[in-house]
């Protein structure tokens, strides 16, 4: 297993990780999601520290494309039937090895990718099989700051947390 200090790409699931898992559908059939601003801030901070982020999700949603564009997340894979297989595509495009990737997941469809990355992580309210596989589990649940907590954990492991804080506390 990879030391968290060697992670250069953070990949995330969406529903249950960046959101609380709720899928909102209006009367016209349009889907919308709610995202936590602190999680978004953390993804921008990760990028400011010279690191990269990605999405691997089984669902397809315009909301994800809009939010990830806003956060400047360069790699978005939607509609993944097997997230483990999608990891190979992501690694090719991002020019990293699976050992350089951390993945934050919450449910069974995340297990195949979590087994292949260097540093598997789980949100606090993840299913038990996901928590058992994770090397780090957040205290916070998905959609409620878990991504922020995971980013801070990785930045601390890399010795970058103080440098990151200094960007805002001068």
N, C-alpha and C. Protein backbone atom coordinates (compact mmCIF):
# COMPACT_ATOMS: atom_id res chain seq x y z
N UNK A 1 0.83 -1.21 0.00
CA UNK A 1 0.00 0.00 0.00
C UNK A 1 0.87 1.25 0.00
N UNK A 2 0.35 2.25 -0.62
CA UNK A 2 1.05 3.53 -0.78
C UNK A 2 0.94 4.36 0.49
N UNK A 3 2.01 5.07 0.79
CA UNK A 3 2.00 6.05 1.88
C UNK A 3 1.18 7.24 1.38
N UNK A 4 0.31 7.81 2.21
CA UNK A 4 -0.52 8.93 1.73
C UNK A 4 0.29 10.13 1.26
N UNK A 5 1.53 10.26 1.70
CA UNK A 5 2.36 11.38 1.24
C UNK A 5 2.70 11.28 -0.24
N UNK A 6 2.57 10.08 -0.81
CA UNK A 6 2.91 9.87 -2.21
C UNK A 6 1.71 10.01 -3.17
N UNK A 7 0.56 10.38 -2.64
CA UNK A 7 -0.64 10.54 -3.47
C UNK A 7 -0.54 11.85 -4.25
N UNK A 8 -0.82 11.78 -5.55
CA UNK A 8 -0.82 12.99 -6.38
C UNK A 8 -2.18 13.27 -7.02
N UNK A 9 -3.05 12.26 -7.02
CA UNK A 9 -4.38 12.43 -7.60
C UNK A 9 -5.43 11.90 -6.63
N UNK A 10 -6.41 12.72 -6.33
CA UNK A 10 -7.52 12.34 -5.47
C UNK A 10 -8.75 12.13 -6.35
N UNK A 11 -9.26 10.90 -6.36
CA UNK A 11 -10.47 10.58 -7.12
C UNK A 11 -11.62 10.38 -6.15
N UNK A 12 -12.80 10.78 -6.59
CA UNK A 12 -13.99 10.76 -5.72
C UNK A 12 -15.18 10.17 -6.45
N UNK A 13 -16.01 9.49 -5.68
CA UNK A 13 -17.36 9.19 -6.11
C UNK A 13 -18.17 10.48 -5.91
N UNK A 14 -19.38 10.54 -6.42
CA UNK A 14 -20.20 11.73 -6.25
C UNK A 14 -21.31 11.48 -5.23
N UNK A 15 -22.31 10.66 -5.59
CA UNK A 15 -23.46 10.45 -4.72
C UNK A 15 -23.05 9.69 -3.47
N UNK A 16 -23.22 10.34 -2.33
CA UNK A 16 -22.82 9.75 -1.05
C UNK A 16 -21.44 10.18 -0.60
N UNK A 17 -20.72 10.89 -1.46
CA UNK A 17 -19.38 11.39 -1.11
C UNK A 17 -19.38 12.92 -1.23
N UNK A 18 -19.56 13.43 -2.44
CA UNK A 18 -19.69 14.88 -2.62
C UNK A 18 -21.10 15.36 -2.29
N UNK A 19 -22.05 14.45 -2.28
CA UNK A 19 -23.43 14.76 -1.85
C UNK A 19 -23.78 13.83 -0.70
N UNK A 20 -24.91 14.08 -0.08
CA UNK A 20 -25.35 13.20 1.01
C UNK A 20 -26.04 11.94 0.50
N UNK A 21 -26.06 11.78 -0.80
CA UNK A 21 -26.67 10.59 -1.40
C UNK A 21 -28.10 10.80 -1.85
N UNK A 22 -28.66 11.96 -1.52
CA UNK A 22 -30.02 12.26 -1.95
C UNK A 22 -30.02 12.61 -3.43
N UNK A 23 -30.98 12.06 -4.16
CA UNK A 23 -31.15 12.41 -5.57
C UNK A 23 -32.49 13.14 -5.67
N UNK A 24 -32.42 14.44 -5.98
CA UNK A 24 -33.60 15.27 -6.09
C UNK A 24 -34.06 15.31 -7.54
N UNK A 25 -35.35 15.03 -7.76
CA UNK A 25 -35.93 15.06 -9.09
C UNK A 25 -37.19 15.93 -9.02
N UNK A 26 -37.25 16.95 -9.89
CA UNK A 26 -38.41 17.83 -9.87
C UNK A 26 -39.54 17.23 -10.73
N UNK A 27 -40.67 17.92 -10.78
CA UNK A 27 -41.85 17.43 -11.50
C UNK A 27 -41.60 17.23 -12.99
N UNK A 28 -40.64 17.96 -13.54
CA UNK A 28 -40.32 17.82 -14.96
C UNK A 28 -39.30 16.71 -15.22
N UNK A 29 -38.84 16.08 -14.14
CA UNK A 29 -37.86 15.00 -14.28
C UNK A 29 -36.42 15.45 -14.26
N UNK A 30 -36.18 16.73 -14.00
CA UNK A 30 -34.81 17.23 -13.92
C UNK A 30 -34.20 16.88 -12.57
N UNK A 31 -32.99 16.41 -12.61
CA UNK A 31 -32.27 16.02 -11.40
C UNK A 31 -31.38 17.16 -10.95
N UNK A 32 -31.31 17.36 -9.64
CA UNK A 32 -30.35 18.32 -9.11
C UNK A 32 -29.75 17.77 -7.83
N UNK A 33 -28.55 18.24 -7.52
CA UNK A 33 -27.80 17.77 -6.37
C UNK A 33 -27.39 18.96 -5.51
N UNK A 34 -27.14 18.69 -4.24
CA UNK A 34 -26.63 19.71 -3.33
C UNK A 34 -25.20 19.35 -2.96
N UNK A 35 -24.31 20.33 -3.05
CA UNK A 35 -22.90 20.14 -2.75
C UNK A 35 -22.50 21.01 -1.56
N UNK A 36 -21.58 20.53 -0.77
CA UNK A 36 -21.08 21.25 0.40
C UNK A 36 -19.98 22.22 -0.03
N UNK A 37 -20.10 23.48 0.33
CA UNK A 37 -19.12 24.49 -0.08
C UNK A 37 -17.74 24.20 0.48
N UNK A 38 -17.65 23.62 1.66
CA UNK A 38 -16.34 23.30 2.24
C UNK A 38 -15.64 22.19 1.46
N UNK A 39 -16.43 21.25 0.96
CA UNK A 39 -15.84 20.21 0.11
C UNK A 39 -15.31 20.82 -1.18
N UNK A 40 -16.06 21.75 -1.74
CA UNK A 40 -15.62 22.44 -2.95
C UNK A 40 -14.36 23.24 -2.69
N UNK A 41 -14.32 23.93 -1.57
CA UNK A 41 -13.12 24.69 -1.19
C UNK A 41 -11.91 23.75 -1.10
N UNK A 42 -12.11 22.59 -0.52
CA UNK A 42 -11.02 21.63 -0.36
C UNK A 42 -10.49 21.15 -1.71
N UNK A 43 -11.38 20.93 -2.66
CA UNK A 43 -10.93 20.50 -3.99
C UNK A 43 -10.13 21.61 -4.68
N UNK A 44 -10.56 22.84 -4.52
CA UNK A 44 -9.79 23.97 -5.08
C UNK A 44 -8.44 24.10 -4.38
N UNK A 45 -8.41 23.91 -3.08
CA UNK A 45 -7.16 23.96 -2.32
C UNK A 45 -6.20 22.87 -2.77
N UNK A 46 -6.72 21.66 -2.97
CA UNK A 46 -5.92 20.53 -3.46
C UNK A 46 -5.23 20.92 -4.77
N UNK A 47 -5.99 21.55 -5.65
CA UNK A 47 -5.45 21.98 -6.94
C UNK A 47 -4.42 23.10 -6.75
N UNK A 48 -4.67 24.04 -5.85
CA UNK A 48 -3.72 25.12 -5.58
C UNK A 48 -2.39 24.60 -5.06
N UNK A 49 -2.42 23.45 -4.42
CA UNK A 49 -1.20 22.86 -3.89
C UNK A 49 -0.47 22.04 -4.96
N UNK A 50 -0.93 22.12 -6.20
CA UNK A 50 -0.25 21.47 -7.31
C UNK A 50 -0.65 20.02 -7.52
N UNK A 51 -1.77 19.62 -6.95
CA UNK A 51 -2.25 18.24 -7.04
C UNK A 51 -3.48 18.19 -7.94
N UNK A 52 -3.90 17.00 -8.29
CA UNK A 52 -5.01 16.86 -9.24
C UNK A 52 -6.16 16.07 -8.61
N UNK A 53 -7.36 16.34 -9.11
CA UNK A 53 -8.56 15.65 -8.63
C UNK A 53 -9.33 15.07 -9.80
N UNK A 54 -10.17 14.11 -9.49
CA UNK A 54 -10.97 13.44 -10.52
C UNK A 54 -12.25 12.92 -9.92
N UNK A 55 -13.20 12.65 -10.80
CA UNK A 55 -14.47 12.05 -10.44
C UNK A 55 -14.61 10.74 -11.21
N UNK A 56 -15.03 9.70 -10.50
CA UNK A 56 -15.45 8.45 -11.14
C UNK A 56 -16.80 8.11 -10.52
N UNK A 57 -17.86 8.20 -11.33
CA UNK A 57 -19.20 7.96 -10.81
C UNK A 57 -19.99 7.06 -11.77
N UNK A 58 -20.87 6.28 -11.20
CA UNK A 58 -21.69 5.39 -12.00
C UNK A 58 -22.86 6.09 -12.66
N UNK A 59 -23.29 7.20 -12.10
CA UNK A 59 -24.41 7.94 -12.64
C UNK A 59 -23.91 9.01 -13.60
N UNK A 60 -24.82 9.57 -14.38
CA UNK A 60 -24.50 10.66 -15.30
C UNK A 60 -25.42 11.83 -14.97
N UNK A 61 -24.83 13.00 -14.79
CA UNK A 61 -25.61 14.16 -14.39
C UNK A 61 -24.96 15.45 -14.89
N UNK A 62 -25.75 16.32 -15.47
CA UNK A 62 -25.26 17.63 -15.89
C UNK A 62 -24.78 18.43 -14.68
N UNK A 63 -25.43 18.21 -13.55
CA UNK A 63 -25.04 18.90 -12.32
C UNK A 63 -23.58 18.64 -11.98
N UNK A 64 -23.14 17.40 -12.16
CA UNK A 64 -21.75 17.05 -11.88
C UNK A 64 -20.82 17.80 -12.82
N UNK A 65 -21.15 17.83 -14.11
CA UNK A 65 -20.31 18.55 -15.07
C UNK A 65 -20.19 20.03 -14.72
N UNK A 66 -21.31 20.65 -14.35
CA UNK A 66 -21.29 22.07 -14.01
C UNK A 66 -20.47 22.32 -12.75
N UNK A 67 -20.70 21.52 -11.72
CA UNK A 67 -19.98 21.73 -10.45
C UNK A 67 -18.48 21.46 -10.61
N UNK A 68 -18.12 20.42 -11.32
CA UNK A 68 -16.70 20.11 -11.49
C UNK A 68 -16.00 21.15 -12.37
N UNK A 69 -16.69 21.70 -13.36
CA UNK A 69 -16.12 22.78 -14.16
C UNK A 69 -15.88 24.00 -13.27
N UNK A 70 -16.84 24.32 -12.41
CA UNK A 70 -16.71 25.43 -11.48
C UNK A 70 -15.51 25.24 -10.55
N UNK A 71 -15.27 24.00 -10.14
CA UNK A 71 -14.17 23.70 -9.21
C UNK A 71 -12.86 23.40 -9.93
N UNK A 72 -12.90 23.41 -11.26
CA UNK A 72 -11.72 23.13 -12.08
C UNK A 72 -11.17 21.73 -11.87
N UNK A 73 -12.07 20.78 -11.67
CA UNK A 73 -11.66 19.38 -11.58
C UNK A 73 -11.50 18.88 -13.01
N UNK A 74 -10.28 18.52 -13.41
CA UNK A 74 -10.01 18.25 -14.82
C UNK A 74 -10.49 16.90 -15.35
N UNK A 75 -10.65 15.93 -14.49
CA UNK A 75 -10.96 14.58 -14.95
C UNK A 75 -12.31 14.13 -14.39
N UNK A 76 -13.29 13.95 -15.27
CA UNK A 76 -14.63 13.53 -14.85
C UNK A 76 -15.05 12.34 -15.69
N UNK A 77 -15.24 11.20 -15.03
CA UNK A 77 -15.74 10.00 -15.69
C UNK A 77 -17.11 9.72 -15.10
N UNK A 78 -18.15 9.81 -15.95
CA UNK A 78 -19.52 9.53 -15.53
C UNK A 78 -20.02 8.28 -16.24
N UNK A 79 -21.04 7.67 -15.69
CA UNK A 79 -21.65 6.49 -16.30
C UNK A 79 -20.76 5.27 -16.25
N UNK A 80 -19.87 5.21 -15.28
CA UNK A 80 -18.94 4.08 -15.17
C UNK A 80 -19.68 2.82 -14.74
N UNK A 81 -19.55 1.77 -15.52
CA UNK A 81 -20.17 0.49 -15.16
C UNK A 81 -19.29 -0.28 -14.18
N UNK A 82 -17.98 -0.06 -14.26
CA UNK A 82 -17.02 -0.70 -13.35
C UNK A 82 -15.95 0.34 -13.04
N UNK A 83 -15.99 0.87 -11.83
CA UNK A 83 -15.08 1.95 -11.46
C UNK A 83 -13.62 1.49 -11.44
N UNK A 84 -13.39 0.22 -11.18
CA UNK A 84 -12.03 -0.31 -11.25
C UNK A 84 -11.48 -0.22 -12.65
N UNK A 85 -12.30 -0.55 -13.64
CA UNK A 85 -11.88 -0.41 -15.04
C UNK A 85 -11.70 1.06 -15.41
N UNK A 86 -12.56 1.91 -14.90
CA UNK A 86 -12.46 3.35 -15.19
C UNK A 86 -11.17 3.94 -14.63
N UNK A 87 -10.65 3.34 -13.56
CA UNK A 87 -9.39 3.81 -12.99
C UNK A 87 -8.27 3.72 -14.02
N UNK A 88 -8.24 2.65 -14.80
CA UNK A 88 -7.22 2.51 -15.84
C UNK A 88 -7.27 3.64 -16.84
N UNK A 89 -8.49 3.99 -17.27
CA UNK A 89 -8.68 5.12 -18.20
C UNK A 89 -8.20 6.42 -17.56
N UNK A 90 -8.59 6.63 -16.30
CA UNK A 90 -8.19 7.84 -15.59
C UNK A 90 -6.66 7.93 -15.48
N UNK A 91 -6.02 6.86 -15.12
CA UNK A 91 -4.56 6.86 -14.97
C UNK A 91 -3.86 7.18 -16.28
N UNK A 92 -4.38 6.65 -17.38
CA UNK A 92 -3.79 6.95 -18.69
C UNK A 92 -3.90 8.44 -19.01
N UNK A 93 -5.08 8.98 -18.82
CA UNK A 93 -5.32 10.39 -19.15
C UNK A 93 -4.56 11.33 -18.21
N UNK A 94 -4.54 11.00 -16.93
CA UNK A 94 -3.90 11.85 -15.93
C UNK A 94 -2.40 11.59 -15.81
N UNK A 95 -1.93 10.54 -16.48
CA UNK A 95 -0.51 10.18 -16.46
C UNK A 95 0.01 9.92 -15.05
N UNK A 96 -0.73 9.06 -14.34
CA UNK A 96 -0.34 8.61 -13.01
C UNK A 96 -0.49 7.09 -12.96
N UNK A 97 0.09 6.50 -11.95
CA UNK A 97 -0.10 5.07 -11.70
C UNK A 97 -1.20 4.91 -10.67
N UNK A 98 -1.85 3.76 -10.60
CA UNK A 98 -2.87 3.55 -9.57
C UNK A 98 -2.33 3.77 -8.15
N UNK A 99 -1.05 3.49 -7.94
CA UNK A 99 -0.45 3.67 -6.62
C UNK A 99 -0.41 5.14 -6.20
N UNK A 100 -0.47 6.05 -7.16
CA UNK A 100 -0.44 7.49 -6.85
C UNK A 100 -1.84 8.06 -6.60
N UNK A 101 -2.85 7.22 -6.66
CA UNK A 101 -4.24 7.66 -6.55
C UNK A 101 -4.83 7.29 -5.21
N UNK A 102 -5.54 8.25 -4.61
CA UNK A 102 -6.41 7.99 -3.46
C UNK A 102 -7.83 8.05 -3.99
N UNK A 103 -8.70 7.20 -3.47
CA UNK A 103 -10.11 7.23 -3.87
C UNK A 103 -10.96 7.29 -2.62
N UNK A 104 -11.93 8.21 -2.61
CA UNK A 104 -12.87 8.36 -1.50
C UNK A 104 -14.23 7.84 -1.94
N UNK A 105 -14.70 6.79 -1.28
CA UNK A 105 -15.95 6.16 -1.66
C UNK A 105 -16.89 5.96 -0.49
N UNK A 106 -18.07 5.41 -0.81
CA UNK A 106 -19.08 5.22 0.23
C UNK A 106 -19.86 3.91 0.14
N UNK A 107 -19.89 3.26 -1.04
CA UNK A 107 -20.78 2.12 -1.17
C UNK A 107 -20.17 1.03 -2.05
N UNK A 108 -20.84 -0.09 -2.14
CA UNK A 108 -20.31 -1.27 -2.82
C UNK A 108 -19.77 -1.02 -4.22
N UNK A 109 -20.41 -0.19 -5.06
CA UNK A 109 -19.84 0.02 -6.39
C UNK A 109 -18.43 0.63 -6.37
N UNK A 110 -18.00 1.16 -5.22
CA UNK A 110 -16.67 1.75 -5.10
C UNK A 110 -15.59 0.72 -4.74
N UNK A 111 -16.00 -0.47 -4.35
CA UNK A 111 -15.02 -1.46 -3.89
C UNK A 111 -13.99 -1.83 -4.96
N UNK A 112 -14.41 -1.98 -6.22
CA UNK A 112 -13.46 -2.41 -7.25
C UNK A 112 -12.37 -1.38 -7.49
N UNK A 113 -12.69 -0.12 -7.43
CA UNK A 113 -11.66 0.91 -7.60
C UNK A 113 -10.83 1.04 -6.32
N UNK A 114 -11.45 0.91 -5.18
CA UNK A 114 -10.72 1.03 -3.92
C UNK A 114 -9.66 -0.07 -3.78
N UNK A 115 -9.93 -1.25 -4.33
CA UNK A 115 -8.94 -2.33 -4.27
C UNK A 115 -7.73 -2.07 -5.16
N UNK A 116 -7.86 -1.17 -6.12
CA UNK A 116 -6.79 -0.95 -7.10
C UNK A 116 -5.97 0.31 -6.87
N UNK A 117 -6.46 1.22 -6.05
CA UNK A 117 -5.71 2.47 -5.82
C UNK A 117 -4.69 2.29 -4.70
N UNK A 118 -3.78 3.25 -4.64
CA UNK A 118 -2.76 3.20 -3.61
C UNK A 118 -3.27 3.52 -2.22
N UNK A 119 -4.32 4.35 -2.13
CA UNK A 119 -4.80 4.78 -0.83
C UNK A 119 -6.33 4.89 -0.82
N UNK A 120 -7.02 3.81 -0.46
CA UNK A 120 -8.49 3.83 -0.40
C UNK A 120 -8.98 4.54 0.87
N UNK A 121 -10.02 5.35 0.71
CA UNK A 121 -10.61 6.08 1.83
C UNK A 121 -12.13 5.94 1.79
N UNK A 122 -12.76 6.12 2.94
CA UNK A 122 -14.22 6.02 3.05
C UNK A 122 -14.77 7.23 3.79
N UNK A 123 -15.99 7.62 3.44
CA UNK A 123 -16.69 8.66 4.21
C UNK A 123 -17.24 8.02 5.48
N UNK A 124 -17.53 8.85 6.46
CA UNK A 124 -17.94 8.36 7.77
C UNK A 124 -19.18 7.50 7.78
N UNK A 125 -20.10 7.73 6.85
CA UNK A 125 -21.33 6.93 6.81
C UNK A 125 -21.31 5.90 5.68
N UNK A 126 -20.12 5.50 5.27
CA UNK A 126 -19.98 4.49 4.21
C UNK A 126 -20.49 3.14 4.70
N UNK A 127 -20.77 2.26 3.74
CA UNK A 127 -21.17 0.89 4.09
C UNK A 127 -19.98 0.18 4.74
N UNK A 128 -20.28 -0.83 5.55
CA UNK A 128 -19.22 -1.52 6.30
C UNK A 128 -18.15 -2.15 5.41
N UNK A 129 -18.50 -2.80 4.29
CA UNK A 129 -17.42 -3.35 3.45
C UNK A 129 -16.45 -2.28 2.93
N UNK A 130 -16.96 -1.09 2.66
CA UNK A 130 -16.12 0.01 2.20
C UNK A 130 -15.22 0.49 3.34
N UNK A 131 -15.79 0.63 4.52
CA UNK A 131 -14.99 1.05 5.68
C UNK A 131 -13.88 0.05 5.99
N UNK A 132 -14.19 -1.23 5.87
CA UNK A 132 -13.18 -2.26 6.15
C UNK A 132 -12.01 -2.18 5.18
N UNK A 133 -12.27 -1.82 3.95
CA UNK A 133 -11.24 -1.74 2.92
C UNK A 133 -10.42 -0.45 3.02
N UNK A 134 -11.00 0.58 3.59
CA UNK A 134 -10.37 1.90 3.65
C UNK A 134 -9.17 1.94 4.60
N UNK A 135 -8.18 2.70 4.20
CA UNK A 135 -7.04 2.96 5.09
C UNK A 135 -7.29 4.21 5.93
N UNK A 136 -8.24 5.03 5.51
CA UNK A 136 -8.65 6.21 6.28
C UNK A 136 -10.14 6.38 6.11
N UNK A 137 -10.84 6.60 7.21
CA UNK A 137 -12.28 6.87 7.19
C UNK A 137 -12.53 8.21 7.86
N UNK A 138 -13.25 9.08 7.19
CA UNK A 138 -13.55 10.39 7.75
C UNK A 138 -14.53 10.23 8.91
N UNK A 139 -14.53 11.21 9.78
CA UNK A 139 -15.53 11.25 10.85
C UNK A 139 -16.86 11.76 10.30
N UNK A 140 -16.77 12.66 9.32
CA UNK A 140 -17.95 13.30 8.75
C UNK A 140 -18.58 12.43 7.66
N UNK A 141 -19.89 12.54 7.49
CA UNK A 141 -20.57 11.78 6.43
C UNK A 141 -20.41 12.44 5.07
N UNK A 142 -20.73 11.68 4.04
CA UNK A 142 -20.69 12.20 2.68
C UNK A 142 -21.61 13.40 2.52
N UNK A 143 -21.14 14.39 1.75
CA UNK A 143 -21.94 15.59 1.50
C UNK A 143 -21.95 16.57 2.64
N UNK A 144 -21.23 16.27 3.71
CA UNK A 144 -21.23 17.11 4.91
C UNK A 144 -19.82 17.42 5.40
N UNK A 145 -18.88 17.54 4.44
CA UNK A 145 -17.52 17.89 4.81
C UNK A 145 -16.52 16.74 4.80
N UNK A 146 -16.95 15.57 4.37
CA UNK A 146 -16.04 14.42 4.33
C UNK A 146 -14.90 14.64 3.35
N UNK A 147 -15.17 15.26 2.20
CA UNK A 147 -14.11 15.51 1.22
C UNK A 147 -13.09 16.47 1.81
N UNK A 148 -13.55 17.50 2.48
CA UNK A 148 -12.65 18.46 3.14
C UNK A 148 -11.76 17.74 4.14
N UNK A 149 -12.35 16.87 4.94
CA UNK A 149 -11.59 16.12 5.94
C UNK A 149 -10.54 15.22 5.27
N UNK A 150 -10.91 14.57 4.19
CA UNK A 150 -9.97 13.69 3.47
C UNK A 150 -8.83 14.50 2.86
N UNK A 151 -9.14 15.65 2.28
CA UNK A 151 -8.10 16.50 1.70
C UNK A 151 -7.15 16.98 2.78
N UNK A 152 -7.67 17.43 3.90
CA UNK A 152 -6.80 17.87 5.00
C UNK A 152 -5.92 16.73 5.49
N UNK A 153 -6.48 15.53 5.58
CA UNK A 153 -5.70 14.35 5.99
C UNK A 153 -4.54 14.12 5.02
N UNK A 154 -4.81 14.16 3.72
CA UNK A 154 -3.76 13.94 2.73
C UNK A 154 -2.72 15.06 2.74
N UNK A 155 -3.17 16.30 2.85
CA UNK A 155 -2.23 17.43 2.89
C UNK A 155 -1.34 17.35 4.12
N UNK A 156 -1.92 16.95 5.23
CA UNK A 156 -1.11 16.79 6.45
C UNK A 156 -0.06 15.70 6.26
N UNK A 157 -0.46 14.58 5.67
CA UNK A 157 0.47 13.47 5.43
C UNK A 157 1.60 13.91 4.49
N UNK A 158 1.30 14.81 3.57
CA UNK A 158 2.29 15.29 2.61
C UNK A 158 3.13 16.44 3.17
N UNK A 159 2.82 16.89 4.39
CA UNK A 159 3.53 18.02 4.98
C UNK A 159 3.15 19.35 4.36
N UNK A 160 1.96 19.43 3.76
CA UNK A 160 1.52 20.64 3.06
C UNK A 160 0.41 21.41 3.76
N UNK A 161 -0.07 20.92 4.89
CA UNK A 161 -1.22 21.56 5.53
C UNK A 161 -0.90 22.97 6.00
N UNK A 162 0.26 23.18 6.61
CA UNK A 162 0.63 24.53 7.06
C UNK A 162 0.81 25.48 5.87
N UNK A 163 1.40 24.99 4.79
CA UNK A 163 1.57 25.81 3.59
C UNK A 163 0.20 26.19 3.02
N UNK A 164 -0.71 25.25 3.03
CA UNK A 164 -2.07 25.51 2.53
C UNK A 164 -2.77 26.55 3.40
N UNK A 165 -2.68 26.39 4.69
CA UNK A 165 -3.30 27.34 5.62
C UNK A 165 -2.71 28.73 5.45
N UNK A 166 -1.41 28.80 5.20
CA UNK A 166 -0.74 30.09 5.04
C UNK A 166 -1.25 30.88 3.84
N UNK A 167 -1.86 30.19 2.88
CA UNK A 167 -2.46 30.90 1.75
C UNK A 167 -3.61 31.80 2.18
N UNK A 168 -4.20 31.50 3.33
CA UNK A 168 -5.38 32.23 3.81
C UNK A 168 -5.16 32.96 5.14
N UNK A 169 -4.17 32.52 5.90
CA UNK A 169 -3.92 33.11 7.22
C UNK A 169 -2.53 33.75 7.21
N UNK A 170 -2.49 35.00 6.74
CA UNK A 170 -1.20 35.68 6.58
C UNK A 170 -0.90 36.59 7.72
